[in-house]
Amino acid sequence: METKRILFSCSIAALAISTQLAMAKTHELKASTTTVHRSFFDASLTPVLTVDSGDKVKLETASGNPRYFENLGVPKEKIPAELYAVYEGVEGMGRGDHTLNGPIAVRGAEPGDTLEVRILSVDVRLPIAGQGFRPGRGILPDEFNYQKDRVLWIDLKKQSVEYAPGIVVPVKPFWGVVAVAPPASMGRIPSGPPNFFGGNMDNRDLGEGSTVFLPVQIAGGSLSIGDGHAAQGHGEVCVSAIETSLKGEILVILHKQQNLKWPRAETPTHYMTMGLNADLDEAARMATSQMLDFLVEKKGMKREDAYMLSSAAMDLTITQAVDGTKGVHAMIPKSIFKN
């Protein structure tokens, strides 16, 4: 009976979503000095765009302060002019990875709701990229206790980076930061560590075709997206992916009173839950516990059976281990569920 109620509720929700999508609009949000905020989250930020549930947003995000590239010897004429426009007035020579488009407000969103962000497409839009490491950071801080940076060039036709002679890295783009605003009580906080509202999750599995579910904390939700990665390994061990500017399209759907506590996600093939904590063991425990929550809530399983199923079919992956708050994501294949 419980399973039937879950399926009935899902059918009603699917019908409502279909109605929203039929009335959807498409918006554009390009990175500019008036549409980005840099390296922080703050509930008091004024939204730069307001959309309805079911609307699409075409995004162009920016990563790469021109002065960073100039300092590494790149001639000005080889640096895209649009980067100079986006980073106008920015001091210093930092790469500016966390140049975030938004916030995007969603009409009707309130605390206790869930924001579904479908990543319909995501592609590299500029050929220039940067990567580096810093002293005291990364998985091997004692060995690499100095700073090193490099410029990388992306072959947009071949969708790859010639990393070194005979070493070619395929492009697999995704946005490292997908977040709603934190509660107002947290004030202005740095965007480096991820948290219960999302943020710098640096999860390479959240590329094209994936969906992120975020727990709304303030009226409107205030969604921000950025930190473009052309490619990154699980773990992001030196603290940096191949950081670059991306373009793509998202679809935003509001789910009322879902009361999600932590981000969840889906890929085309897997359901995903996430653990975010300074302790890697605790992050793994959180990701596992949330997967049990998901299996109980969405698949109608008993928790003890969900625990054993997870041991048989679920994978734990280190998302990233270098942002202070470490990430572990749990993935269970959709193919094992036949209804």
Protein backbone atom coordinates (compact mmCIF):
# COMPACT_ATOMS: atom_id res chain seq x y z
CA MET A 1 0.00 0.00 0.00
CA GLU A 2 2.83 2.41 0.88
CA THR A 3 4.52 1.77 -2.47
CA LYS A 4 1.24 2.48 -4.30
CA ARG A 5 0.87 5.79 -2.46
CA ILE A 6 4.43 6.76 -3.46
CA LEU A 7 3.77 5.91 -7.11
CA PHE A 8 0.47 7.85 -7.08
CA SER A 9 2.16 10.91 -5.58
CA CYS A 10 4.92 10.69 -8.19
CA SER A 11 2.32 10.55 -10.99
CA ILE A 12 0.58 13.67 -9.71
CA ALA A 13 3.94 15.49 -9.44
CA ALA A 14 4.92 14.40 -12.96
CA LEU A 15 1.65 15.79 -14.35
CA ALA A 16 2.24 19.14 -12.66
CA ILE A 17 5.79 19.29 -14.03
CA SER A 18 4.56 18.49 -17.55
CA THR A 19 2.17 21.44 -17.32
CA GLN A 20 4.98 23.73 -16.18
CA LEU A 21 7.26 22.63 -19.03
CA ALA A 22 4.54 23.26 -21.61
CA MET A 23 4.44 26.93 -20.53
CA ALA A 24 8.20 27.35 -20.16
CA LYS A 25 10.22 30.37 -21.29
CA THR A 26 13.90 30.50 -22.19
CA HIS A 27 16.12 33.21 -20.69
CA GLU A 28 19.76 34.16 -21.29
CA LEU A 29 22.30 34.94 -18.59
CA LYS A 30 25.81 35.81 -19.75
CA ALA A 31 28.68 36.58 -17.40
CA SER A 32 29.23 40.33 -17.10
CA THR A 33 30.18 42.83 -14.42
CA THR A 34 26.47 43.20 -13.56
CA THR A 35 25.47 39.51 -13.59
CA VAL A 36 28.17 37.83 -11.48
CA HIS A 37 29.33 37.69 -7.91
CA ARG A 38 32.76 36.42 -6.99
CA SER A 39 33.90 33.86 -4.42
CA PHE A 40 31.04 34.22 -1.93
CA PHE A 41 27.40 33.42 -1.22
CA ASP A 42 25.04 35.86 0.48
CA ALA A 43 21.28 35.71 0.95
CA SER A 44 21.08 39.50 0.67
CA LEU A 45 22.26 39.59 -2.95
CA THR A 46 19.70 41.02 -5.37
CA PRO A 47 18.76 38.49 -8.06
CA VAL A 48 19.96 39.37 -11.56
CA LEU A 49 17.25 37.23 -13.17
CA THR A 50 13.85 35.94 -12.06
CA VAL A 51 12.28 32.86 -13.66
CA ASP A 52 9.24 30.64 -13.24
CA SER A 53 9.33 26.96 -12.43
CA GLY A 54 9.82 25.09 -15.70
CA ASP A 55 11.80 27.87 -17.38
CA LYS A 56 15.12 27.32 -19.12
CA VAL A 57 18.22 29.50 -18.79
CA LYS A 58 21.00 29.66 -21.37
CA LEU A 59 24.24 30.37 -19.53
CA GLU A 60 27.67 31.67 -20.46
CA THR A 61 30.03 31.54 -17.48
CA ALA A 62 33.55 32.95 -17.19
CA SER A 63 36.74 31.60 -15.60
CA GLY A 64 40.05 33.28 -16.26
CA ASN A 65 41.13 36.74 -15.16
CA PRO A 66 43.11 38.13 -18.13
CA ARG A 67 45.85 39.38 -15.77
CA TYR A 68 46.37 35.78 -14.64
CA PHE A 69 47.06 34.72 -18.21
CA GLU A 70 49.16 37.82 -18.95
CA ASN A 71 51.33 37.04 -15.92
CA LEU A 72 51.97 33.59 -17.38
CA GLY A 73 53.17 35.11 -20.65
CA VAL A 74 50.06 34.94 -22.83
CA PRO A 75 49.97 37.87 -25.29
CA LYS A 76 46.94 40.11 -24.89
CA GLU A 77 45.77 39.41 -28.41
CA LYS A 78 45.42 35.69 -27.57
CA ILE A 79 43.19 36.34 -24.55
CA PRO A 80 39.47 36.61 -25.48
CA ALA A 81 38.28 40.22 -25.25
CA GLU A 82 35.14 39.17 -23.41
CA LEU A 83 37.26 38.05 -20.45
CA TYR A 84 38.64 41.57 -20.17
CA ALA A 85 35.06 42.84 -20.04
CA VAL A 86 33.91 40.35 -17.37
CA TYR A 87 36.96 40.95 -15.15
CA GLU A 88 37.01 44.73 -15.53
CA GLY A 89 37.86 46.31 -12.18
CA VAL A 90 38.95 43.03 -10.55
CA GLU A 91 42.15 43.53 -8.58
CA GLY A 92 45.03 41.10 -8.47
CA MET A 93 46.11 38.26 -10.73
CA GLY A 94 44.01 35.45 -9.29
CA ARG A 95 42.35 33.23 -11.88
CA GLY A 96 38.86 34.07 -10.65
CA ASP A 97 37.42 30.57 -10.94
CA HIS A 98 34.46 31.32 -8.67
CA THR A 99 33.00 34.03 -10.89
CA LEU A 100 29.40 32.94 -10.46
CA ASN A 101 26.41 33.78 -12.64
CA GLY A 102 23.41 34.88 -10.61
CA PRO A 103 21.67 34.81 -8.32
CA ILE A 104 18.64 33.52 -10.24
CA ALA A 105 15.38 33.80 -8.30
CA VAL A 106 12.55 31.30 -8.86
CA ARG A 107 9.06 32.68 -8.29
CA GLY A 108 7.26 30.97 -5.45
CA ALA A 109 10.32 29.29 -3.95
CA GLU A 110 10.30 29.27 -0.14
CA PRO A 111 12.36 27.60 2.58
CA GLY A 112 11.41 23.93 2.77
CA ASP A 113 11.02 23.65 -1.00
CA THR A 114 13.44 21.89 -3.33
CA LEU A 115 14.95 23.34 -6.49
CA GLU A 116 15.57 20.87 -9.32
CA VAL A 117 18.27 21.99 -11.74
CA ARG A 118 18.46 19.93 -14.93
CA ILE A 119 21.71 20.43 -16.83
CA LEU A 120 20.45 20.07 -20.39
CA SER A 121 23.77 20.93 -22.00
CA VAL A 122 27.22 22.13 -21.02
CA ASP A 123 30.16 22.82 -23.33
CA VAL A 124 33.51 24.60 -23.35
CA ARG A 125 33.07 28.01 -24.99
CA LEU A 126 36.61 29.48 -24.96
CA PRO A 127 39.88 27.68 -25.78
CA ILE A 128 41.96 29.17 -22.97
CA ALA A 129 42.17 27.52 -19.54
CA GLY A 130 44.30 27.59 -16.41
CA GLN A 131 45.43 25.18 -13.73
CA GLY A 132 47.71 25.35 -10.73
CA PHE A 133 48.44 24.46 -7.12
CA ARG A 134 49.30 26.44 -4.01
CA PRO A 135 51.49 25.80 -0.95
CA GLY A 136 49.67 24.16 1.93
CA ARG A 137 46.83 22.95 -0.27
CA GLY A 138 45.95 19.74 -2.07
CA ILE A 139 46.46 16.10 -1.19
CA LEU A 140 50.29 16.36 -1.07
CA PRO A 141 51.02 19.72 0.60
CA ASP A 142 54.35 18.59 2.08
CA GLU A 143 55.72 17.52 -1.28
CA PHE A 144 54.40 20.50 -3.24
CA ASN A 145 54.93 23.36 -0.79
CA TYR A 146 55.24 26.00 -3.52
CA GLN A 147 53.07 27.57 -6.22
CA LYS A 148 52.87 26.54 -9.84
CA ASP A 149 50.48 27.69 -12.58
CA ARG A 150 50.11 26.90 -16.24
CA VAL A 151 48.02 27.86 -19.25
CA LEU A 152 46.26 25.07 -21.13
CA TRP A 153 44.73 25.30 -24.59
CA ILE A 154 41.58 23.39 -25.45
CA ASP A 155 41.04 22.05 -28.96
CA LEU A 156 37.36 22.89 -29.37
CA LYS A 157 37.01 20.71 -32.49
CA LYS A 158 38.65 17.64 -31.01
CA GLN A 159 37.21 18.35 -27.54
CA SER A 160 40.51 17.59 -25.87
CA VAL A 161 43.59 19.10 -24.25
CA GLU A 162 47.11 18.09 -25.28
CA TYR A 163 48.43 18.08 -21.75
CA ALA A 164 51.96 17.09 -22.72
CA PRO A 165 53.53 15.43 -25.75
CA GLY A 166 51.73 12.12 -26.17
CA ILE A 167 49.22 12.87 -23.39
CA VAL A 168 45.74 13.96 -24.50
CA VAL A 169 42.97 14.59 -21.95
CA PRO A 170 39.39 14.42 -23.28
CA VAL A 171 37.06 17.25 -22.38
CA LYS A 172 34.23 16.41 -19.97
CA PRO A 173 32.84 19.81 -18.93
CA PHE A 174 30.79 20.59 -15.84
CA TRP A 175 30.17 23.46 -13.44
CA GLY A 176 31.95 23.00 -10.13
CA VAL A 177 29.59 25.37 -8.29
CA VAL A 178 25.83 24.89 -8.28
CA ALA A 179 24.16 26.42 -5.23
CA VAL A 180 21.16 28.14 -3.77
CA ALA A 181 21.76 30.96 -1.29
CA PRO A 182 22.52 30.03 2.32
CA PRO A 183 20.18 31.13 5.10
CA ALA A 184 20.36 34.85 5.89
CA SER A 185 21.64 34.01 9.38
CA MET A 186 24.94 32.76 7.87
CA GLY A 187 25.69 36.17 6.35
CA ARG A 188 28.31 36.41 3.60
CA ILE A 189 30.36 33.21 3.38
CA PRO A 190 33.19 32.11 1.07
CA SER A 191 32.26 29.87 -1.84
CA GLY A 192 35.22 27.51 -1.38
CA PRO A 193 33.75 24.83 0.93
CA PRO A 194 30.49 23.15 -0.20
CA ASN A 195 27.59 22.92 2.24
CA PHE A 196 23.99 21.79 2.68
CA PHE A 197 22.83 24.38 0.11
CA GLY A 198 25.23 23.00 -2.52
CA GLY A 199 28.10 25.21 -3.61
CA ASN A 200 31.58 24.17 -4.67
CA MET A 201 30.79 20.47 -4.93
CA ASP A 202 33.33 19.93 -7.76
CA ASN A 203 31.49 16.77 -8.79
CA ARG A 204 32.57 15.65 -12.26
CA ASP A 205 29.50 13.39 -12.53
CA LEU A 206 27.23 16.46 -12.63
CA GLY A 207 27.75 17.21 -16.31
CA GLU A 208 25.38 17.23 -19.25
CA GLY A 209 22.26 15.15 -18.67
CA SER A 210 22.51 15.25 -14.88
CA THR A 211 20.07 16.81 -12.42
CA VAL A 212 20.85 18.48 -9.09
CA PHE A 213 18.29 18.84 -6.28
CA LEU A 214 18.96 21.64 -3.77
CA PRO A 215 17.12 22.53 -0.54
CA VAL A 216 15.78 26.10 -0.75
CA GLN A 217 16.88 28.30 2.17
CA ILE A 218 15.43 31.75 1.32
CA ALA A 219 12.52 33.17 -0.66
CA GLY A 220 13.29 32.82 -4.37
CA GLY A 221 16.07 30.30 -3.77
CA SER A 222 18.76 32.50 -5.41
CA LEU A 223 20.54 29.97 -7.61
CA SER A 224 24.17 30.61 -8.60
CA ILE A 225 26.26 28.65 -11.12
CA GLY A 226 29.89 28.88 -12.21
CA ASP A 227 33.42 27.52 -11.74
CA GLY A 228 33.66 25.96 -15.20
CA HIS A 229 35.77 22.83 -15.54
CA ALA A 230 36.82 21.38 -18.89
CA ALA A 231 38.07 18.22 -17.18
CA GLN A 232 38.68 17.01 -13.63
CA GLY A 233 39.48 13.72 -11.97
CA HIS A 234 37.52 12.49 -8.96
CA GLY A 235 39.26 14.01 -5.94
CA GLU A 236 40.68 17.11 -7.71
CA VAL A 237 43.91 16.26 -5.89
CA CYS A 238 45.97 19.42 -6.60
CA VAL A 239 42.97 21.73 -5.83
CA SER A 240 42.46 22.74 -9.45
CA ALA A 241 40.70 21.26 -12.45
CA ILE A 242 41.26 22.51 -16.01
CA GLU A 243 39.48 25.78 -15.24
CA THR A 244 37.74 27.50 -18.14
CA SER A 245 34.67 29.32 -19.42
CA LEU A 246 31.59 27.26 -20.25
CA LYS A 247 28.24 27.62 -21.96
CA GLY A 248 25.12 25.56 -21.58
CA GLU A 249 21.46 25.41 -20.74
CA ILE A 250 19.64 24.50 -17.55
CA LEU A 251 16.00 23.88 -16.74
CA VAL A 252 14.73 24.84 -13.28
CA ILE A 253 11.77 23.15 -11.57
CA LEU A 254 10.36 24.03 -8.16
CA HIS A 255 9.10 21.25 -5.88
CA LYS A 256 6.99 22.52 -3.00
CA GLN A 257 7.57 21.31 0.56
CA GLN A 258 10.01 18.51 -0.21
CA ASN A 259 12.08 19.32 2.90
CA LEU A 260 15.34 18.03 1.46
CA LYS A 261 18.19 18.41 3.95
CA TRP A 262 21.22 17.94 1.67
CA PRO A 263 21.81 18.04 -2.09
CA ARG A 264 20.87 15.02 -4.16
CA ALA A 265 21.38 14.36 -7.85
CA GLU A 266 20.75 12.04 -10.76
CA THR A 267 22.78 11.16 -13.81
CA PRO A 268 21.24 9.45 -16.85
CA THR A 269 22.23 6.11 -15.31
CA HIS A 270 22.43 6.59 -11.51
CA TYR A 271 20.77 8.06 -8.44
CA MET A 272 23.18 10.06 -6.29
CA THR A 273 23.40 11.28 -2.71
CA MET A 274 26.18 13.40 -1.23
CA GLY A 275 28.16 13.64 1.97
CA LEU A 276 29.97 16.90 2.76
CA ASN A 277 32.14 17.12 5.86
CA ALA A 278 35.65 18.06 6.96
CA ASP A 279 36.16 14.39 7.91
CA LEU A 280 36.21 12.02 4.93
CA ASP A 281 34.81 9.13 6.99
CA GLU A 282 31.88 11.27 8.10
CA ALA A 283 31.28 12.39 4.52
CA ALA A 284 31.09 8.72 3.47
CA ARG A 285 28.68 7.98 6.33
CA MET A 286 26.48 10.92 5.34
CA ALA A 287 26.34 9.91 1.68
CA THR A 288 25.40 6.35 2.65
CA SER A 289 22.77 7.40 5.18
CA GLN A 290 21.18 9.75 2.67
CA MET A 291 21.06 6.97 0.08
CA LEU A 292 19.11 4.88 2.59
CA ASP A 293 16.77 7.85 3.09
CA PHE A 294 16.28 8.03 -0.68
CA LEU A 295 15.56 4.31 -1.04
CA VAL A 296 13.04 4.41 1.79
CA GLU A 297 11.31 7.58 0.55
CA LYS A 298 11.34 7.00 -3.20
CA LYS A 299 11.51 3.24 -3.60
CA GLY A 300 9.38 2.18 -0.61
CA MET A 301 12.09 -0.01 0.93
CA LYS A 302 12.63 -0.89 4.56
CA ARG A 303 15.73 0.85 5.84
CA GLU A 304 17.49 -2.37 6.82
CA ASP A 305 16.90 -3.79 3.34
CA ALA A 306 18.10 -0.53 1.78
CA TYR A 307 21.30 -0.83 3.83
CA MET A 308 22.03 -4.29 2.46
CA LEU A 309 21.10 -3.29 -1.10
CA SER A 310 23.52 -0.38 -0.85
CA SER A 311 26.31 -2.74 0.15
CA ALA A 312 25.53 -4.90 -2.87
CA ALA A 313 24.96 -2.27 -5.55
CA MET A 314 26.05 1.22 -4.41
CA ASP A 315 29.42 2.84 -5.10
CA LEU A 316 31.09 5.47 -2.92
CA THR A 317 33.31 7.93 -4.79
CA ILE A 318 35.53 10.70 -3.43
CA THR A 319 34.13 13.80 -5.11
CA GLN A 320 36.88 16.11 -3.93
CA ALA A 321 39.23 16.03 -0.95
CA VAL A 322 40.86 19.46 -1.12
CA ASP A 323 38.26 22.15 -0.35
CA GLY A 324 38.34 21.93 3.45
CA THR A 325 34.90 20.35 3.42
CA LYS A 326 35.47 17.04 1.68
CA GLY A 327 32.94 15.41 -0.61
CA VAL A 328 31.83 11.83 -1.10
CA HIS A 329 29.00 10.88 -3.42
CA ALA A 330 27.08 7.62 -3.39
CA MET A 331 25.76 6.24 -6.68
CA ILE A 332 23.29 3.42 -7.24
CA PRO A 333 22.34 2.31 -10.77
CA LYS A 334 18.85 3.04 -12.02
CA SER A 335 18.93 -0.19 -14.03
CA ILE A 336 18.37 -2.38 -10.95
CA PHE A 337 14.93 -0.86 -10.35
CA LYS A 338 12.38 -2.46 -12.68
CA ASN A 339 9.43 -0.27 -11.72
